[in-house]
Amino acid sequence: MLTIKVLKSKKILQVFQEQTLAFEFPIGIGKNEIGHKKTRSDLRTPEGEYKICVKNDQSKFHLSLGLNYPNLNDAKNGLIAGHITSEEFKSILEAQNTHGGSDWSTPLGGAIYIHGGLEDKNWSEGCVRMFNKDIETIYSLIEKETPVLIAP
């Protein structure tokens, strides 16, 4: 099984086959590079353990792999911080449990993708941007449920 590791500080995305590094690519991340995503408009890329929940070959950013952000930890922290209501927390939890995705409509944001378009600009609003040729290299290899670790 493949796993993805994003190193925000180095602006590198790595793909591992078991424990062996198979690919390494340059990336762009959220315009506000430091810190974990907490709200929709903070321009940060989340940090933590996620998984691929959607594959989109019709993306406006060439190809895209959607992450299940916000995950349960994000929802718990958002609820404690007062960024979301208990109803929104339950909606995120239900989405995680029913289809492995998330509720992208809450104030925590969502629709966080690994996608193409690094040729156009070197930052995003919270996604991980790759060169189109690089996302093409891995898109067909990556399956739903692929683990993604995003490190500071």
N, C-alpha and C. Protein backbone atom coordinates (compact mmCIF):
# COMPACT_ATOMS: atom_id res chain seq x y z
N MET A 1 0.83 -1.19 0.00
CA MET A 1 0.00 0.00 0.00
C MET A 1 0.87 1.24 0.00
N LEU A 2 0.43 2.26 -0.71
CA LEU A 2 1.12 3.54 -0.75
C LEU A 2 0.67 4.44 0.39
N THR A 3 1.57 5.30 0.83
CA THR A 3 1.24 6.34 1.79
C THR A 3 1.86 7.64 1.28
N ILE A 4 1.26 8.75 1.68
CA ILE A 4 1.75 10.07 1.28
C ILE A 4 2.17 10.82 2.53
N LYS A 5 3.31 11.50 2.42
CA LYS A 5 3.78 12.36 3.50
C LYS A 5 4.07 13.73 2.90
N VAL A 6 3.48 14.77 3.49
CA VAL A 6 3.70 16.15 3.08
C VAL A 6 4.53 16.82 4.16
N LEU A 7 5.67 17.37 3.76
CA LEU A 7 6.53 18.10 4.68
C LEU A 7 6.38 19.59 4.34
N LYS A 8 5.52 20.27 5.10
CA LYS A 8 5.21 21.67 4.79
C LYS A 8 6.45 22.55 4.83
N SER A 9 7.29 22.39 5.83
CA SER A 9 8.45 23.28 5.98
C SER A 9 9.44 23.11 4.84
N LYS A 10 9.51 21.94 4.27
CA LYS A 10 10.43 21.69 3.15
C LYS A 10 9.74 21.82 1.79
N LYS A 11 8.41 21.96 1.82
CA LYS A 11 7.60 22.04 0.59
C LYS A 11 7.89 20.85 -0.32
N ILE A 12 7.75 19.68 0.30
CA ILE A 12 7.98 18.41 -0.41
C ILE A 12 6.84 17.46 -0.12
N LEU A 13 6.40 16.73 -1.15
CA LEU A 13 5.45 15.64 -0.99
C LEU A 13 6.19 14.36 -1.33
N GLN A 14 6.09 13.38 -0.43
CA GLN A 14 6.74 12.08 -0.63
C GLN A 14 5.67 11.00 -0.72
N VAL A 15 5.92 10.03 -1.58
CA VAL A 15 5.06 8.85 -1.69
C VAL A 15 5.91 7.65 -1.33
N PHE A 16 5.40 6.86 -0.38
CA PHE A 16 6.10 5.68 0.07
C PHE A 16 5.37 4.42 -0.35
N GLN A 17 6.12 3.42 -0.78
CA GLN A 17 5.62 2.06 -1.00
C GLN A 17 6.15 1.26 0.18
N GLU A 18 5.25 0.85 1.08
CA GLU A 18 5.66 0.27 2.36
C GLU A 18 6.54 1.31 3.06
N GLN A 19 7.79 0.98 3.35
CA GLN A 19 8.69 1.93 4.02
C GLN A 19 9.69 2.58 3.06
N THR A 20 9.56 2.30 1.78
CA THR A 20 10.52 2.78 0.80
C THR A 20 10.00 4.01 0.07
N LEU A 21 10.84 5.05 0.01
CA LEU A 21 10.48 6.26 -0.70
C LEU A 21 10.42 5.95 -2.19
N ALA A 22 9.25 6.12 -2.79
CA ALA A 22 9.06 5.83 -4.21
C ALA A 22 9.13 7.09 -5.07
N PHE A 23 8.60 8.21 -4.55
CA PHE A 23 8.57 9.47 -5.28
C PHE A 23 8.75 10.63 -4.31
N GLU A 24 9.32 11.70 -4.81
CA GLU A 24 9.41 12.95 -4.04
C GLU A 24 9.23 14.11 -5.01
N PHE A 25 8.36 15.05 -4.63
CA PHE A 25 8.01 16.15 -5.52
C PHE A 25 8.00 17.48 -4.77
N PRO A 26 8.34 18.58 -5.46
CA PRO A 26 8.18 19.91 -4.86
C PRO A 26 6.69 20.27 -4.83
N ILE A 27 6.29 21.07 -3.87
CA ILE A 27 4.89 21.46 -3.72
C ILE A 27 4.77 22.93 -3.33
N GLY A 28 3.57 23.44 -3.43
CA GLY A 28 3.18 24.70 -2.83
C GLY A 28 2.12 24.39 -1.78
N ILE A 29 2.07 25.20 -0.74
CA ILE A 29 1.10 25.00 0.34
C ILE A 29 0.33 26.30 0.56
N GLY A 30 -0.49 26.31 1.59
CA GLY A 30 -1.27 27.49 1.90
C GLY A 30 -0.42 28.74 2.05
N LYS A 31 -0.97 29.87 1.63
CA LYS A 31 -0.23 31.14 1.66
C LYS A 31 0.30 31.47 3.05
N ASN A 32 -0.49 31.19 4.09
CA ASN A 32 -0.02 31.31 5.47
C ASN A 32 0.62 29.96 5.83
N GLU A 33 1.93 29.87 5.65
CA GLU A 33 2.61 28.58 5.68
C GLU A 33 2.74 27.96 7.07
N ILE A 34 2.80 28.77 8.10
CA ILE A 34 3.06 28.27 9.45
C ILE A 34 1.74 28.01 10.18
N GLY A 35 1.66 26.83 10.80
CA GLY A 35 0.52 26.50 11.63
C GLY A 35 -0.52 25.65 10.93
N HIS A 36 -1.37 25.09 11.75
CA HIS A 36 -2.43 24.17 11.33
C HIS A 36 -3.68 24.94 10.93
N LYS A 37 -4.36 24.48 9.92
CA LYS A 37 -5.62 25.08 9.48
C LYS A 37 -6.65 24.99 10.61
N LYS A 38 -7.29 26.13 10.90
CA LYS A 38 -8.31 26.15 11.96
C LYS A 38 -9.65 26.64 11.47
N THR A 39 -9.63 27.51 10.45
CA THR A 39 -10.89 28.04 9.92
C THR A 39 -10.81 28.16 8.39
N ARG A 40 -11.97 28.27 7.78
CA ARG A 40 -12.10 28.30 6.32
C ARG A 40 -11.15 29.29 5.66
N SER A 41 -11.07 30.49 6.16
CA SER A 41 -10.37 31.57 5.45
C SER A 41 -8.96 31.86 5.96
N ASP A 42 -8.37 30.95 6.71
CA ASP A 42 -7.05 31.26 7.29
C ASP A 42 -5.87 31.02 6.36
N LEU A 43 -6.12 30.48 5.15
CA LEU A 43 -5.09 30.26 4.13
C LEU A 43 -3.96 29.34 4.60
N ARG A 44 -4.30 28.40 5.52
CA ARG A 44 -3.31 27.44 6.00
C ARG A 44 -3.63 26.04 5.48
N THR A 45 -2.60 25.25 5.33
CA THR A 45 -2.74 23.83 5.00
C THR A 45 -2.83 23.08 6.32
N PRO A 46 -3.79 22.14 6.43
CA PRO A 46 -3.91 21.41 7.70
C PRO A 46 -2.67 20.58 8.00
N GLU A 47 -2.54 20.18 9.26
CA GLU A 47 -1.47 19.29 9.70
C GLU A 47 -2.11 18.15 10.46
N GLY A 48 -1.64 16.94 10.22
CA GLY A 48 -2.17 15.78 10.91
C GLY A 48 -2.31 14.59 9.98
N GLU A 49 -3.09 13.62 10.43
CA GLU A 49 -3.30 12.39 9.70
C GLU A 49 -4.65 12.43 8.99
N TYR A 50 -4.61 12.25 7.68
CA TYR A 50 -5.80 12.29 6.85
C TYR A 50 -5.80 11.09 5.93
N LYS A 51 -6.80 11.03 5.07
CA LYS A 51 -6.82 10.00 4.04
C LYS A 51 -7.48 10.59 2.80
N ILE A 52 -7.19 9.98 1.68
CA ILE A 52 -7.81 10.40 0.42
C ILE A 52 -9.26 9.94 0.46
N CYS A 53 -10.19 10.86 0.23
CA CYS A 53 -11.61 10.49 0.27
C CYS A 53 -12.29 10.68 -1.08
N VAL A 54 -11.63 11.35 -2.01
CA VAL A 54 -12.22 11.56 -3.34
C VAL A 54 -11.11 11.75 -4.35
N LYS A 55 -11.35 11.24 -5.56
CA LYS A 55 -10.45 11.46 -6.69
C LYS A 55 -11.24 12.20 -7.76
N ASN A 56 -10.66 13.28 -8.30
CA ASN A 56 -11.37 14.08 -9.29
C ASN A 56 -10.49 14.27 -10.52
N ASP A 57 -10.87 13.61 -11.61
CA ASP A 57 -10.12 13.77 -12.86
C ASP A 57 -10.68 14.89 -13.73
N GLN A 58 -11.67 15.63 -13.21
CA GLN A 58 -12.25 16.78 -13.91
C GLN A 58 -11.99 18.08 -13.13
N SER A 59 -10.97 18.09 -12.32
CA SER A 59 -10.67 19.23 -11.47
C SER A 59 -10.25 20.45 -12.27
N LYS A 60 -10.60 21.64 -11.78
CA LYS A 60 -10.12 22.86 -12.43
C LYS A 60 -8.63 23.04 -12.17
N PHE A 61 -8.06 22.21 -11.32
CA PHE A 61 -6.63 22.21 -11.04
C PHE A 61 -5.98 20.96 -11.61
N HIS A 62 -6.39 20.57 -12.79
CA HIS A 62 -5.88 19.44 -13.56
C HIS A 62 -6.41 18.11 -13.01
N LEU A 63 -5.77 17.57 -12.00
CA LEU A 63 -6.24 16.37 -11.30
C LEU A 63 -6.20 16.68 -9.81
N SER A 64 -7.09 16.06 -9.03
CA SER A 64 -7.06 16.34 -7.60
C SER A 64 -7.44 15.13 -6.77
N LEU A 65 -6.84 15.08 -5.59
CA LEU A 65 -7.08 14.04 -4.59
C LEU A 65 -7.56 14.73 -3.32
N GLY A 66 -8.83 14.52 -2.96
CA GLY A 66 -9.42 15.21 -1.82
C GLY A 66 -9.11 14.54 -0.50
N LEU A 67 -8.88 15.36 0.52
CA LEU A 67 -8.59 14.86 1.88
C LEU A 67 -9.82 14.97 2.77
N ASN A 68 -9.89 14.10 3.76
CA ASN A 68 -11.01 14.12 4.69
C ASN A 68 -10.81 15.15 5.81
N TYR A 69 -10.36 16.34 5.44
CA TYR A 69 -10.29 17.46 6.37
C TYR A 69 -11.63 18.19 6.34
N PRO A 70 -12.18 18.54 7.48
CA PRO A 70 -11.70 18.31 8.84
C PRO A 70 -11.96 16.87 9.30
N ASN A 71 -10.97 16.31 9.99
CA ASN A 71 -11.15 14.97 10.55
C ASN A 71 -11.70 15.09 11.98
N LEU A 72 -11.78 13.99 12.67
CA LEU A 72 -12.36 14.00 14.02
C LEU A 72 -11.57 14.90 14.97
N ASN A 73 -10.24 14.86 14.90
CA ASN A 73 -9.43 15.72 15.78
C ASN A 73 -9.67 17.20 15.47
N ASP A 74 -9.74 17.53 14.18
CA ASP A 74 -10.02 18.92 13.80
C ASP A 74 -11.37 19.36 14.34
N ALA A 75 -12.36 18.48 14.23
CA ALA A 75 -13.72 18.79 14.70
C ALA A 75 -13.73 18.99 16.22
N LYS A 76 -13.06 18.11 16.95
CA LYS A 76 -13.00 18.25 18.41
C LYS A 76 -12.36 19.58 18.80
N ASN A 77 -11.23 19.89 18.16
CA ASN A 77 -10.54 21.15 18.47
C ASN A 77 -11.38 22.36 18.07
N GLY A 78 -12.07 22.26 16.94
CA GLY A 78 -12.94 23.35 16.49
C GLY A 78 -14.11 23.58 17.44
N LEU A 79 -14.66 22.50 17.96
CA LEU A 79 -15.76 22.60 18.91
C LEU A 79 -15.28 23.25 20.21
N ILE A 80 -14.13 22.79 20.73
CA ILE A 80 -13.58 23.35 21.97
C ILE A 80 -13.26 24.83 21.81
N ALA A 81 -12.72 25.21 20.64
CA ALA A 81 -12.35 26.60 20.38
C ALA A 81 -13.55 27.49 20.06
N GLY A 82 -14.71 26.88 19.87
CA GLY A 82 -15.90 27.65 19.56
C GLY A 82 -16.04 28.03 18.09
N HIS A 83 -15.25 27.39 17.23
CA HIS A 83 -15.34 27.67 15.79
C HIS A 83 -16.54 26.99 15.14
N ILE A 84 -16.99 25.87 15.73
CA ILE A 84 -18.17 25.16 15.20
C ILE A 84 -19.13 24.84 16.34
N THR A 85 -20.37 24.60 15.96
CA THR A 85 -21.41 24.24 16.92
C THR A 85 -21.40 22.73 17.14
N SER A 86 -22.14 22.28 18.12
CA SER A 86 -22.24 20.84 18.35
C SER A 86 -22.94 20.16 17.17
N GLU A 87 -23.87 20.86 16.52
CA GLU A 87 -24.53 20.29 15.33
C GLU A 87 -23.54 20.12 14.18
N GLU A 88 -22.66 21.12 13.99
CA GLU A 88 -21.64 21.01 12.95
C GLU A 88 -20.64 19.91 13.28
N PHE A 89 -20.30 19.76 14.55
CA PHE A 89 -19.43 18.67 14.98
C PHE A 89 -20.06 17.32 14.61
N LYS A 90 -21.34 17.17 14.93
CA LYS A 90 -22.04 15.92 14.61
C LYS A 90 -22.08 15.67 13.11
N SER A 91 -22.24 16.71 12.32
CA SER A 91 -22.27 16.57 10.86
C SER A 91 -20.92 16.08 10.32
N ILE A 92 -19.83 16.61 10.87
CA ILE A 92 -18.49 16.15 10.47
C ILE A 92 -18.31 14.69 10.85
N LEU A 93 -18.69 14.35 12.08
CA LEU A 93 -18.56 12.97 12.56
C LEU A 93 -19.39 12.01 11.71
N GLU A 94 -20.61 12.39 11.37
CA GLU A 94 -21.47 11.55 10.54
C GLU A 94 -20.86 11.32 9.16
N ALA A 95 -20.31 12.37 8.57
CA ALA A 95 -19.68 12.23 7.25
C ALA A 95 -18.48 11.30 7.32
N GLN A 96 -17.68 11.42 8.36
CA GLN A 96 -16.52 10.54 8.54
C GLN A 96 -16.98 9.08 8.65
N ASN A 97 -18.05 8.87 9.39
CA ASN A 97 -18.51 7.50 9.65
C ASN A 97 -19.28 6.88 8.49
N THR A 98 -19.96 7.69 7.68
CA THR A 98 -20.80 7.12 6.62
C THR A 98 -20.08 6.95 5.29
N HIS A 99 -19.26 7.96 4.90
CA HIS A 99 -18.61 7.83 3.59
C HIS A 99 -17.12 8.12 3.63
N GLY A 100 -16.55 8.27 4.80
CA GLY A 100 -15.11 8.45 4.93
C GLY A 100 -14.61 9.82 4.54
N GLY A 101 -15.51 10.73 4.21
CA GLY A 101 -15.12 12.09 3.85
C GLY A 101 -15.29 13.00 5.04
N SER A 102 -15.76 14.21 4.77
CA SER A 102 -16.02 15.16 5.84
C SER A 102 -17.09 16.14 5.37
N ASP A 103 -17.59 16.92 6.29
CA ASP A 103 -18.52 18.00 5.96
C ASP A 103 -17.68 19.24 5.69
N TRP A 104 -17.61 19.62 4.43
CA TRP A 104 -16.76 20.74 4.02
C TRP A 104 -17.48 22.08 4.13
N SER A 105 -18.70 22.10 4.66
CA SER A 105 -19.47 23.34 4.70
C SER A 105 -19.38 24.08 6.03
N THR A 106 -18.66 23.56 7.00
CA THR A 106 -18.59 24.21 8.31
C THR A 106 -17.55 25.34 8.30
N PRO A 107 -17.54 26.16 9.35
CA PRO A 107 -16.54 27.24 9.43
C PRO A 107 -15.08 26.75 9.48
N LEU A 108 -14.86 25.44 9.70
CA LEU A 108 -13.50 24.91 9.68
C LEU A 108 -12.95 24.85 8.26
N GLY A 109 -13.84 24.91 7.27
CA GLY A 109 -13.41 24.82 5.88
C GLY A 109 -13.42 23.38 5.42
N GLY A 110 -12.85 23.17 4.27
CA GLY A 110 -12.81 21.85 3.68
C GLY A 110 -12.40 21.95 2.23
N ALA A 111 -12.71 20.91 1.48
CA ALA A 111 -12.30 20.85 0.08
C ALA A 111 -10.80 21.07 -0.02
N ILE A 112 -10.06 20.41 0.86
CA ILE A 112 -8.60 20.47 0.83
C ILE A 112 -8.13 19.33 -0.06
N TYR A 113 -7.41 19.68 -1.10
CA TYR A 113 -6.96 18.72 -2.11
C TYR A 113 -5.45 18.74 -2.27
N ILE A 114 -4.94 17.63 -2.75
CA ILE A 114 -3.63 17.58 -3.38
C ILE A 114 -3.95 17.69 -4.86
N HIS A 115 -3.46 18.74 -5.52
CA HIS A 115 -3.87 18.97 -6.91
C HIS A 115 -2.75 19.60 -7.72
N GLY A 116 -2.99 19.70 -9.03
CA GLY A 116 -2.04 20.32 -9.94
C GLY A 116 -2.09 21.84 -9.85
N GLY A 117 -1.40 22.48 -10.79
CA GLY A 117 -1.45 23.92 -10.90
C GLY A 117 -0.28 24.67 -10.30
N LEU A 118 0.77 23.95 -9.87
CA LEU A 118 1.94 24.65 -9.31
C LEU A 118 2.61 25.52 -10.37
N GLU A 119 2.39 25.20 -11.63
CA GLU A 119 2.93 26.03 -12.72
C GLU A 119 2.35 27.45 -12.67
N ASP A 120 1.11 27.57 -12.18
CA ASP A 120 0.40 28.85 -12.19
C ASP A 120 0.75 29.75 -11.02
N LYS A 121 0.89 29.19 -9.84
CA LYS A 121 1.33 29.94 -8.66
C LYS A 121 1.87 28.96 -7.63
N ASN A 122 2.74 29.46 -6.75
CA ASN A 122 3.44 28.56 -5.83
C ASN A 122 2.80 28.49 -4.44
N TRP A 123 1.56 28.94 -4.31
CA TRP A 123 0.85 28.84 -3.03
C TRP A 123 -0.61 28.50 -3.31
N SER A 124 -1.34 28.18 -2.25
CA SER A 124 -2.75 27.84 -2.38
C SER A 124 -3.52 28.51 -1.24
N GLU A 125 -4.82 28.25 -1.20
CA GLU A 125 -5.64 28.75 -0.09
C GLU A 125 -5.71 27.74 1.05
N GLY A 126 -4.95 26.66 0.94
CA GLY A 126 -4.91 25.64 1.99
C GLY A 126 -4.62 24.25 1.44
N CYS A 127 -4.68 24.12 0.13
CA CYS A 127 -4.41 22.83 -0.52
C CYS A 127 -2.91 22.61 -0.67
N VAL A 128 -2.58 21.44 -1.22
CA VAL A 128 -1.21 21.10 -1.58
C VAL A 128 -1.16 21.13 -3.10
N ARG A 129 -0.35 22.02 -3.66
CA ARG A 129 -0.26 22.22 -5.10
C ARG A 129 0.97 21.50 -5.64
N MET A 130 0.80 20.76 -6.74
CA MET A 130 1.90 20.05 -7.40
C MET A 130 1.97 20.50 -8.85
N PHE A 131 3.11 20.25 -9.48
CA PHE A 131 3.18 20.44 -10.93
C PHE A 131 2.26 19.42 -11.58
N ASN A 132 1.61 19.78 -12.67
CA ASN A 132 0.67 18.89 -13.35
C ASN A 132 1.32 17.55 -13.69
N LYS A 133 2.55 17.57 -14.18
CA LYS A 133 3.22 16.31 -14.55
C LYS A 133 3.43 15.41 -13.33
N ASP A 134 3.61 16.01 -12.16
CA ASP A 134 3.83 15.23 -10.95
C ASP A 134 2.54 14.59 -10.44
N ILE A 135 1.44 15.35 -10.43
CA ILE A 135 0.16 14.75 -10.02
C ILE A 135 -0.25 13.67 -11.00
N GLU A 136 0.09 13.84 -12.28
CA GLU A 136 -0.19 12.79 -13.27
C GLU A 136 0.57 11.51 -12.93
N THR A 137 1.78 11.65 -12.42
CA THR A 137 2.60 10.48 -12.08
C THR A 137 1.95 9.64 -11.00
N ILE A 138 1.34 10.28 -10.01
CA ILE A 138 0.83 9.51 -8.87
C ILE A 138 -0.68 9.29 -8.89
N TYR A 139 -1.42 10.07 -9.66
CA TYR A 139 -2.89 10.03 -9.59
C TYR A 139 -3.45 8.62 -9.77
N SER A 140 -3.00 7.90 -10.77
CA SER A 140 -3.56 6.57 -11.03
C SER A 140 -3.10 5.54 -9.99
N LEU A 141 -2.02 5.84 -9.27
CA LEU A 141 -1.50 4.91 -8.26
C LEU A 141 -2.20 5.06 -6.91
N ILE A 142 -2.72 6.25 -6.66
CA ILE A 142 -3.32 6.56 -5.36
C ILE A 142 -4.79 6.15 -5.35
N GLU A 143 -5.18 5.44 -4.32
CA GLU A 143 -6.56 4.98 -4.18
C GLU A 143 -7.23 5.73 -3.04
N LYS A 144 -8.56 5.69 -3.05
CA LYS A 144 -9.29 6.21 -1.89
C LYS A 144 -8.82 5.44 -0.67
N GLU A 145 -8.81 6.11 0.47
CA GLU A 145 -8.37 5.57 1.75
C GLU A 145 -6.84 5.61 1.91
N THR A 146 -6.09 6.06 0.90
CA THR A 146 -4.64 6.17 1.05
C THR A 146 -4.33 7.13 2.19
N PRO A 147 -3.50 6.70 3.16
CA PRO A 147 -3.14 7.58 4.27
C PRO A 147 -2.27 8.75 3.81
N VAL A 148 -2.54 9.93 4.41
CA VAL A 148 -1.78 11.13 4.12
C VAL A 148 -1.39 11.76 5.47
N LEU A 149 -0.08 11.90 5.69
CA LEU A 149 0.41 12.59 6.88
C LEU A 149 0.92 13.95 6.44
N ILE A 150 0.39 15.01 7.03
CA ILE A 150 0.88 16.36 6.74
C ILE A 150 1.61 16.86 7.98
N ALA A 151 2.93 17.06 7.82
CA ALA A 151 3.78 17.48 8.93
C ALA A 151 4.12 18.95 8.79
N PRO A 152 4.34 19.63 9.94
CA PRO A 152 4.71 21.06 9.89
C PRO A 152 5.96 21.30 9.03
